[in-house]
Amino acid sequence: MVPLEEIRKNLGKETMLIGQNQTIKNLKLGKVEKVFLASNCKPSVRNDIEYYCKLNKIPLIILEIPNDELGIVCKKHFAISVICFLK
């Protein structure tokens, strides 16, 4: 499935979390199924998330759109750099 279609399909579901803090917290707990990053995500955040994804063998998908467009896709009025889906 195309990543943006997958994000649109899961909008509003409790299994979708937005934000780096929530994502990193749940990555540490091993509750994440998949992670999406905007193309212009901060390098420090990207490195942290890549590290935890490698530890837990979780797929990390880097999108081709910047964080402001990802916010629009998610029907939010703010930029979104990180999205994750819970198991």
PDB file of N, CA and C in Angstrom:
ATOM      1  N   MET A   1       0.853  -1.187   0.000  1.00  0.00           N
ATOM      2  CA  MET A   1       0.000   0.000   0.000  1.00  0.00           C
ATOM      3  C   MET A   1       0.891   1.240   0.000  1.00  0.00           C
ATOM      4  N   VAL A   2       0.489   2.239  -0.752  1.00  0.00           N
ATOM      5  CA  VAL A   2       1.223   3.503  -0.814  1.00  0.00           C
ATOM      6  C   VAL A   2       1.151   4.174   0.561  1.00  0.00           C
ATOM      7  N   PRO A   3       2.288   4.689   1.066  1.00  0.00           N
ATOM      8  CA  PRO A   3       2.309   5.243   2.428  1.00  0.00           C
ATOM      9  C   PRO A   3       1.245   6.303   2.714  1.00  0.00           C
ATOM     10  N   LEU A   4       1.025   7.237   1.794  1.00  0.00           N
ATOM     11  CA  LEU A   4       0.038   8.288   2.057  1.00  0.00           C
ATOM     12  C   LEU A   4      -1.377   7.723   2.121  1.00  0.00           C
ATOM     13  N   GLU A   5      -1.668   6.725   1.300  1.00  0.00           N
ATOM     14  CA  GLU A   5      -2.988   6.087   1.350  1.00  0.00           C
ATOM     15  C   GLU A   5      -3.173   5.373   2.681  1.00  0.00           C
ATOM     16  N   GLU A   6      -2.105   4.742   3.160  1.00  0.00           N
ATOM     17  CA  GLU A   6      -2.161   4.050   4.442  1.00  0.00           C
ATOM     18  C   GLU A   6      -2.398   5.037   5.585  1.00  0.00           C
ATOM     19  N   ILE A   7      -1.769   6.195   5.508  1.00  0.00           N
ATOM     20  CA  ILE A   7      -1.967   7.222   6.536  1.00  0.00           C
ATOM     21  C   ILE A   7      -3.401   7.740   6.491  1.00  0.00           C
ATOM     22  N   ARG A   8      -3.892   8.051   5.294  1.00  0.00           N
ATOM     23  CA  ARG A   8      -5.280   8.543   5.161  1.00  0.00           C
ATOM     24  C   ARG A   8      -6.289   7.517   5.678  1.00  0.00           C
ATOM     25  N   LYS A   9      -6.030   6.251   5.393  1.00  0.00           N
ATOM     26  CA  LYS A   9      -6.937   5.179   5.812  1.00  0.00           C
ATOM     27  C   LYS A   9      -7.022   5.086   7.337  1.00  0.00           C
ATOM     28  N   ASN A  10      -5.912   5.356   8.018  1.00  0.00           N
ATOM     29  CA  ASN A  10      -5.858   5.216   9.470  1.00  0.00           C
ATOM     30  C   ASN A  10      -6.096   6.509  10.236  1.00  0.00           C
ATOM     31  N   LEU A  11      -6.456   7.586   9.544  1.00  0.00           N
ATOM     32  CA  LEU A  11      -6.737   8.852  10.234  1.00  0.00           C
ATOM     33  C   LEU A  11      -7.866   8.667  11.244  1.00  0.00           C
ATOM     34  N   GLY A  12      -7.653   9.191  12.432  1.00  0.00           N
ATOM     35  CA  GLY A  12      -8.693   9.137  13.456  1.00  0.00           C
ATOM     36  C   GLY A  12      -8.739   7.847  14.251  1.00  0.00           C
ATOM     37  N   LYS A  13      -7.978   6.861  13.855  1.00  0.00           N
ATOM     38  CA  LYS A  13      -7.954   5.605  14.608  1.00  0.00           C
ATOM     39  C   LYS A  13      -7.007   5.748  15.798  1.00  0.00           C
ATOM     40  N   GLU A  14      -7.299   5.001  16.840  1.00  0.00           N
ATOM     41  CA  GLU A  14      -6.487   5.071  18.049  1.00  0.00           C
ATOM     42  C   GLU A  14      -5.101   4.468  17.865  1.00  0.00           C
ATOM     43  N   THR A  15      -4.910   3.720  16.802  1.00  0.00           N
ATOM     44  CA  THR A  15      -3.616   3.081  16.575  1.00  0.00           C
ATOM     45  C   THR A  15      -2.616   4.007  15.894  1.00  0.00           C
ATOM     46  N   MET A  16      -3.032   5.212  15.513  1.00  0.00           N
ATOM     47  CA  MET A  16      -2.147   6.163  14.847  1.00  0.00           C
ATOM     48  C   MET A  16      -1.755   7.261  15.821  1.00  0.00           C
ATOM     49  N   LEU A  17      -0.453   7.462  15.996  1.00  0.00           N
ATOM     50  CA  LEU A  17       0.051   8.506  16.880  1.00  0.00           C
ATOM     51  C   LEU A  17       0.847   9.523  16.076  1.00  0.00           C
ATOM     52  N   ILE A  18       0.720  10.783  16.459  1.00  0.00           N
ATOM     53  CA  ILE A  18       1.424  11.872  15.794  1.00  0.00           C
ATOM     54  C   ILE A  18       2.411  12.477  16.780  1.00  0.00           C
ATOM     55  N   GLY A  19       3.625  12.711  16.307  1.00  0.00           N
ATOM     56  CA  GLY A  19       4.603  13.415  17.121  1.00  0.00           C
ATOM     57  C   GLY A  19       5.799  12.579  17.511  1.00  0.00           C
ATOM     58  N   GLN A  20       6.933  13.259  17.656  1.00  0.00           N
ATOM     59  CA  GLN A  20       8.180  12.558  17.952  1.00  0.00           C
ATOM     60  C   GLN A  20       8.209  12.011  19.363  1.00  0.00           C
ATOM     61  N   ASN A  21       7.693  12.738  20.344  1.00  0.00           N
ATOM     62  CA  ASN A  21       7.743  12.267  21.725  1.00  0.00           C
ATOM     63  C   ASN A  21       6.930  10.990  21.915  1.00  0.00           C
ATOM     64  N   GLN A  22       5.716  10.984  21.385  1.00  0.00           N
ATOM     65  CA  GLN A  22       4.857   9.796  21.495  1.00  0.00           C
ATOM     66  C   GLN A  22       5.486   8.613  20.759  1.00  0.00           C
ATOM     67  N   THR A  23       6.055   8.888  19.597  1.00  0.00           N
ATOM     68  CA  THR A  23       6.656   7.817  18.804  1.00  0.00           C
ATOM     69  C   THR A  23       7.859   7.211  19.516  1.00  0.00           C
ATOM     70  N   ILE A  24       8.759   8.052  20.008  1.00  0.00           N
ATOM     71  CA  ILE A  24       9.958   7.547  20.686  1.00  0.00           C
ATOM     72  C   ILE A  24       9.572   6.786  21.953  1.00  0.00           C
ATOM     73  N   LYS A  25       8.604   7.313  22.699  1.00  0.00           N
ATOM     74  CA  LYS A  25       8.153   6.635  23.923  1.00  0.00           C
ATOM     75  C   LYS A  25       7.652   5.221  23.602  1.00  0.00           C
ATOM     76  N   ASN A  26       6.815   5.108  22.582  1.00  0.00           N
ATOM     77  CA  ASN A  26       6.247   3.808  22.230  1.00  0.00           C
ATOM     78  C   ASN A  26       7.256   2.893  21.536  1.00  0.00           C
ATOM     79  N   LEU A  27       8.244   3.470  20.848  1.00  0.00           N
ATOM     80  CA  LEU A  27       9.316   2.655  20.273  1.00  0.00           C
ATOM     81  C   LEU A  27      10.110   1.987  21.392  1.00  0.00           C
ATOM     82  N   LYS A  28      10.388   2.730  22.453  1.00  0.00           N
ATOM     83  CA  LYS A  28      11.129   2.181  23.587  1.00  0.00           C
ATOM     84  C   LYS A  28      10.351   1.056  24.264  1.00  0.00           C
ATOM     85  N   LEU A  29       9.021   1.173  24.263  1.00  0.00           N
ATOM     86  CA  LEU A  29       8.178   0.154  24.885  1.00  0.00           C
ATOM     87  C   LEU A  29       7.896  -1.024  23.957  1.00  0.00           C
ATOM     88  N   GLY A  30       8.276  -0.905  22.684  1.00  0.00           N
ATOM     89  CA  GLY A  30       8.071  -1.987  21.726  1.00  0.00           C
ATOM     90  C   GLY A  30       6.640  -2.119  21.246  1.00  0.00           C
ATOM     91  N   LYS A  31       5.891  -1.024  21.253  1.00  0.00           N
ATOM     92  CA  LYS A  31       4.480  -1.068  20.869  1.00  0.00           C
ATOM     93  C   LYS A  31       4.217  -0.606  19.434  1.00  0.00           C
ATOM     94  N   VAL A  32       5.255  -0.215  18.709  1.00  0.00           N
ATOM     95  CA  VAL A  32       5.078   0.380  17.387  1.00  0.00           C
ATOM     96  C   VAL A  32       5.193  -0.675  16.288  1.00  0.00           C
ATOM     97  N   GLU A  33       4.325  -0.535  15.286  1.00  0.00           N
ATOM     98  CA  GLU A  33       4.328  -1.445  14.142  1.00  0.00           C
ATOM     99  C   GLU A  33       5.082  -0.850  12.959  1.00  0.00           C
ATOM    100  N   LYS A  34       4.923   0.476  12.740  1.00  0.00           N
ATOM    101  CA  LYS A  34       5.505   1.130  11.571  1.00  0.00           C
ATOM    102  C   LYS A  34       5.672   2.622  11.871  1.00  0.00           C
ATOM    103  N   VAL A  35       6.724   3.239  11.312  1.00  0.00           N
ATOM    104  CA  VAL A  35       6.992   4.660  11.539  1.00  0.00           C
ATOM    105  C   VAL A  35       7.137   5.362  10.196  1.00  0.00           C
ATOM    106  N   PHE A  36       6.574   6.574  10.107  1.00  0.00           N
ATOM    107  CA  PHE A  36       6.682   7.417   8.921  1.00  0.00           C
ATOM    108  C   PHE A  36       7.357   8.727   9.311  1.00  0.00           C
ATOM    109  N   LEU A  37       8.327   9.182   8.497  1.00  0.00           N
ATOM    110  CA  LEU A  37       9.006  10.448   8.727  1.00  0.00           C
ATOM    111  C   LEU A  37       8.814  11.355   7.526  1.00  0.00           C
ATOM    112  N   ALA A  38       8.629  12.645   7.794  1.00  0.00           N
ATOM    113  CA  ALA A  38       8.572  13.629   6.717  1.00  0.00           C
ATOM    114  C   ALA A  38       9.970  13.792   6.127  1.00  0.00           C
ATOM    115  N   SER A  39      10.039  14.260   4.896  1.00  0.00           N
ATOM    116  CA  SER A  39      11.333  14.374   4.212  1.00  0.00           C
ATOM    117  C   SER A  39      12.261  15.386   4.873  1.00  0.00           C
ATOM    118  N   ASN A  40      11.695  16.394   5.544  1.00  0.00           N
ATOM    119  CA  ASN A  40      12.528  17.424   6.166  1.00  0.00           C
ATOM    120  C   ASN A  40      12.520  17.338   7.695  1.00  0.00           C
ATOM    121  N   CYS A  41      12.404  16.154   8.212  1.00  0.00           N
ATOM    122  CA  CYS A  41      12.456  15.920   9.657  1.00  0.00           C
ATOM    123  C   CYS A  41      13.835  16.329  10.177  1.00  0.00           C
ATOM    124  N   LYS A  42      13.887  16.882  11.389  1.00  0.00           N
ATOM    125  CA  LYS A  42      15.166  17.308  11.969  1.00  0.00           C
ATOM    126  C   LYS A  42      16.130  16.119  12.037  1.00  0.00           C
ATOM    127  N   PRO A  43      17.398  16.339  11.721  1.00  0.00           N
ATOM    128  CA  PRO A  43      18.376  15.238  11.752  1.00  0.00           C
ATOM    129  C   PRO A  43      18.494  14.565  13.118  1.00  0.00           C
ATOM    130  N   SER A  44      18.413  15.324  14.196  1.00  0.00           N
ATOM    131  CA  SER A  44      18.528  14.721  15.527  1.00  0.00           C
ATOM    132  C   SER A  44      17.357  13.783  15.808  1.00  0.00           C
ATOM    133  N   VAL A  45      16.151  14.201  15.434  1.00  0.00           N
ATOM    134  CA  VAL A  45      14.964  13.369  15.624  1.00  0.00           C
ATOM    135  C   VAL A  45      15.050  12.143  14.725  1.00  0.00           C
ATOM    136  N   ARG A  46      15.463  12.358  13.504  1.00  0.00           N
ATOM    137  CA  ARG A  46      15.580  11.252  12.542  1.00  0.00           C
ATOM    138  C   ARG A  46      16.570  10.197  13.038  1.00  0.00           C
ATOM    139  N   ASN A  47      17.715  10.640  13.568  1.00  0.00           N
ATOM    140  CA  ASN A  47      18.717   9.700  14.085  1.00  0.00           C
ATOM    141  C   ASN A  47      18.172   8.891  15.255  1.00  0.00           C
ATOM    142  N   ASP A  48      17.474   9.549  16.177  1.00  0.00           N
ATOM    143  CA  ASP A  48      16.896   8.852  17.331  1.00  0.00           C
ATOM    144  C   ASP A  48      15.904   7.786  16.885  1.00  0.00           C
ATOM    145  N   ILE A  49      15.016   8.167  15.982  1.00  0.00           N
ATOM    146  CA  ILE A  49      13.981   7.249  15.540  1.00  0.00           C
ATOM    147  C   ILE A  49      14.579   6.103  14.725  1.00  0.00           C
ATOM    148  N   GLU A  50      15.554   6.405  13.869  1.00  0.00           N
ATOM    149  CA  GLU A  50      16.233   5.343  13.118  1.00  0.00           C
ATOM    150  C   GLU A  50      16.893   4.342  14.071  1.00  0.00           C
ATOM    151  N   TYR A  51      17.505   4.837  15.125  1.00  0.00           N
ATOM    152  CA  TYR A  51      18.172   3.978  16.103  1.00  0.00           C
ATOM    153  C   TYR A  51      17.179   3.016  16.756  1.00  0.00           C
ATOM    154  N   TYR A  52      16.069   3.546  17.261  1.00  0.00           N
ATOM    155  CA  TYR A  52      15.088   2.694  17.936  1.00  0.00           C
ATOM    156  C   TYR A  52      14.385   1.747  16.971  1.00  0.00           C
ATOM    157  N   CYS A  53      14.184   2.177  15.730  1.00  0.00           N
ATOM    158  CA  CYS A  53      13.581   1.286  14.729  1.00  0.00           C
ATOM    159  C   CYS A  53      14.511   0.116  14.423  1.00  0.00           C
ATOM    160  N   LYS A  54      15.809   0.382  14.328  1.00  0.00           N
ATOM    161  CA  LYS A  54      16.766  -0.697  14.064  1.00  0.00           C
ATOM    162  C   LYS A  54      16.821  -1.671  15.232  1.00  0.00           C
ATOM    163  N   LEU A  55      16.777  -1.135  16.464  1.00  0.00           N
ATOM    164  CA  LEU A  55      16.816  -2.002  17.643  1.00  0.00           C
ATOM    165  C   LEU A  55      15.646  -2.980  17.665  1.00  0.00           C
ATOM    166  N   ASN A  56      14.456  -2.468  17.330  1.00  0.00           N
ATOM    167  CA  ASN A  56      13.233  -3.272  17.407  1.00  0.00           C
ATOM    168  C   ASN A  56      12.826  -3.880  16.068  1.00  0.00           C
ATOM    169  N   LYS A  57      13.647  -3.677  15.027  1.00  0.00           N
ATOM    170  CA  LYS A  57      13.359  -4.183  13.674  1.00  0.00           C
ATOM    171  C   LYS A  57      11.977  -3.753  13.184  1.00  0.00           C
ATOM    172  N   ILE A  58      11.736  -2.444  13.284  1.00  0.00           N
ATOM    173  CA  ILE A  58      10.463  -1.848  12.874  1.00  0.00           C
ATOM    174  C   ILE A  58      10.687  -1.100  11.559  1.00  0.00           C
ATOM    175  N   PRO A  59       9.781  -1.267  10.595  1.00  0.00           N
ATOM    176  CA  PRO A  59       9.945  -0.558   9.322  1.00  0.00           C
ATOM    177  C   PRO A  59       9.860   0.963   9.493  1.00  0.00           C
ATOM    178  N   LEU A  60      10.810   1.657   8.885  1.00  0.00           N
ATOM    179  CA  LEU A  60      10.850   3.113   8.894  1.00  0.00           C
ATOM    180  C   LEU A  60      10.680   3.576   7.459  1.00  0.00           C
ATOM    181  N   ILE A  61       9.643   4.378   7.227  1.00  0.00           N
ATOM    182  CA  ILE A  61       9.352   4.853   5.877  1.00  0.00           C
ATOM    183  C   ILE A  61       9.572   6.359   5.847  1.00  0.00           C
ATOM    184  N   ILE A  62      10.481   6.788   4.988  1.00  0.00           N
ATOM    185  CA  ILE A  62      10.738   8.213   4.837  1.00  0.00           C
ATOM    186  C   ILE A  62       9.922   8.695   3.647  1.00  0.00           C
ATOM    187  N   LEU A  63       8.988   9.589   3.930  1.00  0.00           N
ATOM    188  CA  LEU A  63       8.066  10.079   2.909  1.00  0.00           C
ATOM    189  C   LEU A  63       8.748  11.098   2.004  1.00  0.00           C
ATOM    190  N   GLU A  64       8.172  11.306   0.842  1.00  0.00           N
ATOM    191  CA  GLU A  64       8.722  12.259  -0.115  1.00  0.00           C
ATOM    192  C   GLU A  64       8.149  13.652   0.075  1.00  0.00           C
ATOM    193  N   ILE A  65       7.306  13.850   1.077  1.00  0.00           N
ATOM    194  CA  ILE A  65       6.689  15.154   1.290  1.00  0.00           C
ATOM    195  C   ILE A  65       7.228  15.785   2.579  1.00  0.00           C
ATOM    196  N   PRO A  66       7.293  17.134   2.617  1.00  0.00           N
ATOM    197  CA  PRO A  66       7.770  17.812   3.826  1.00  0.00           C
ATOM    198  C   PRO A  66       6.723  17.796   4.936  1.00  0.00           C
ATOM    199  N   ASN A  67       7.129  18.227   6.129  1.00  0.00           N
ATOM    200  CA  ASN A  67       6.256  18.144   7.295  1.00  0.00           C
ATOM    201  C   ASN A  67       4.994  19.001   7.196  1.00  0.00           C
ATOM    202  N   ASP A  68       5.054  20.149   6.521  1.00  0.00           N
ATOM    203  CA  ASP A  68       3.842  20.965   6.408  1.00  0.00           C
ATOM    204  C   ASP A  68       2.784  20.289   5.534  1.00  0.00           C
ATOM    205  N   GLU A  69       3.210  19.620   4.470  1.00  0.00           N
ATOM    206  CA  GLU A  69       2.263  18.885   3.623  1.00  0.00           C
ATOM    207  C   GLU A  69       1.722  17.655   4.337  1.00  0.00           C
ATOM    208  N   LEU A  70       2.543  17.020   5.168  1.00  0.00           N
ATOM    209  CA  LEU A  70       2.081  15.865   5.938  1.00  0.00           C
ATOM    210  C   LEU A  70       0.993  16.292   6.916  1.00  0.00           C
ATOM    211  N   GLY A  71       1.130  17.488   7.470  1.00  0.00           N
ATOM    212  CA  GLY A  71       0.079  18.030   8.331  1.00  0.00           C
ATOM    213  C   GLY A  71      -1.231  18.198   7.580  1.00  0.00           C
ATOM    214  N   ILE A  72      -1.161  18.634   6.348  1.00  0.00           N
ATOM    215  CA  ILE A  72      -2.361  18.803   5.514  1.00  0.00           C
ATOM    216  C   ILE A  72      -2.986  17.448   5.205  1.00  0.00           C
ATOM    217  N   VAL A  73      -2.159  16.456   4.888  1.00  0.00           N
ATOM    218  CA  VAL A  73      -2.654  15.104   4.617  1.00  0.00           C
ATOM    219  C   VAL A  73      -3.418  14.567   5.826  1.00  0.00           C
ATOM    220  N   CYS A  74      -2.911  14.883   7.023  1.00  0.00           N
ATOM    221  CA  CYS A  74      -3.535  14.411   8.264  1.00  0.00           C
ATOM    222  C   CYS A  74      -4.663  15.319   8.750  1.00  0.00           C
ATOM    223  N   LYS A  75      -4.996  16.331   7.962  1.00  0.00           N
ATOM    224  CA  LYS A  75      -6.080  17.271   8.280  1.00  0.00           C
ATOM    225  C   LYS A  75      -5.823  18.008   9.591  1.00  0.00           C
ATOM    226  N   LYS A  76      -4.572  18.437   9.773  1.00  0.00           N
ATOM    227  CA  LYS A  76      -4.182  19.206  10.944  1.00  0.00           C
ATOM    228  C   LYS A  76      -3.720  20.581  10.488  1.00  0.00           C
ATOM    229  N   HIS A  77      -3.774  21.540  11.406  1.00  0.00           N
ATOM    230  CA  HIS A  77      -3.376  22.912  11.084  1.00  0.00           C
ATOM    231  C   HIS A  77      -1.940  23.185  11.512  1.00  0.00           C
ATOM    232  N   PHE A  78      -1.130  22.155  11.613  1.00  0.00           N
ATOM    233  CA  PHE A  78       0.264  22.305  12.007  1.00  0.00           C
ATOM    234  C   PHE A  78       1.106  21.268  11.274  1.00  0.00           C
ATOM    235  N   ALA A  79       2.411  21.495  11.265  1.00  0.00           N
ATOM    236  CA  ALA A  79       3.336  20.580  10.586  1.00  0.00           C
ATOM    237  C   ALA A  79       3.520  19.306  11.411  1.00  0.00           C
ATOM    238  N   ILE A  80       3.643  18.184  10.721  1.00  0.00           N
ATOM    239  CA  ILE A  80       3.844  16.886  11.369  1.00  0.00           C
ATOM    240  C   ILE A  80       5.079  16.242  10.752  1.00  0.00           C
ATOM    241  N   SER A  81       6.046  15.908  11.595  1.00  0.00           N
ATOM    242  CA  SER A  81       7.272  15.280  11.106  1.00  0.00           C
ATOM    243  C   SER A  81       7.292  13.783  11.292  1.00  0.00           C
ATOM    244  N   VAL A  82       6.578  13.293  12.319  1.00  0.00           N
ATOM    245  CA  VAL A  82       6.651  11.871  12.658  1.00  0.00           C
ATOM    246  C   VAL A  82       5.246  11.309  12.917  1.00  0.00           C
ATOM    247  N   ILE A  83       4.966  10.152  12.334  1.00  0.00           N
ATOM    248  CA  ILE A  83       3.718   9.421  12.576  1.00  0.00           C
ATOM    249  C   ILE A  83       4.086   7.970  12.819  1.00  0.00           C
ATOM    250  N   CYS A  84       3.390   7.337  13.762  1.00  0.00           N
ATOM    251  CA  CYS A  84       3.610   5.908  13.947  1.00  0.00           C
ATOM    252  C   CYS A  84       2.272   5.199  14.102  1.00  0.00           C
ATOM    253  N   PHE A  85       2.289   3.912  13.794  1.00  0.00           N
ATOM    254  CA  PHE A  85       1.125   3.058  13.984  1.00  0.00           C
ATOM    255  C   PHE A  85       1.452   2.051  15.079  1.00  0.00           C
ATOM    256  N   LEU A  86       0.538   1.899  16.015  1.00  0.00           N
ATOM    257  CA  LEU A  86       0.731   0.942  17.096  1.00  0.00           C
ATOM    258  C   LEU A  86       0.298  -0.446  16.647  1.00  0.00           C
ATOM    259  N   LYS A  87       0.820  -1.464  17.325  1.00  0.00           N
ATOM    260  CA  LYS A  87       0.469  -2.851  17.027  1.00  0.00           C
ATOM    261  C   LYS A  87      -0.953  -3.138  17.447  1.00  0.00           C
TER     262      LYS A  87
END
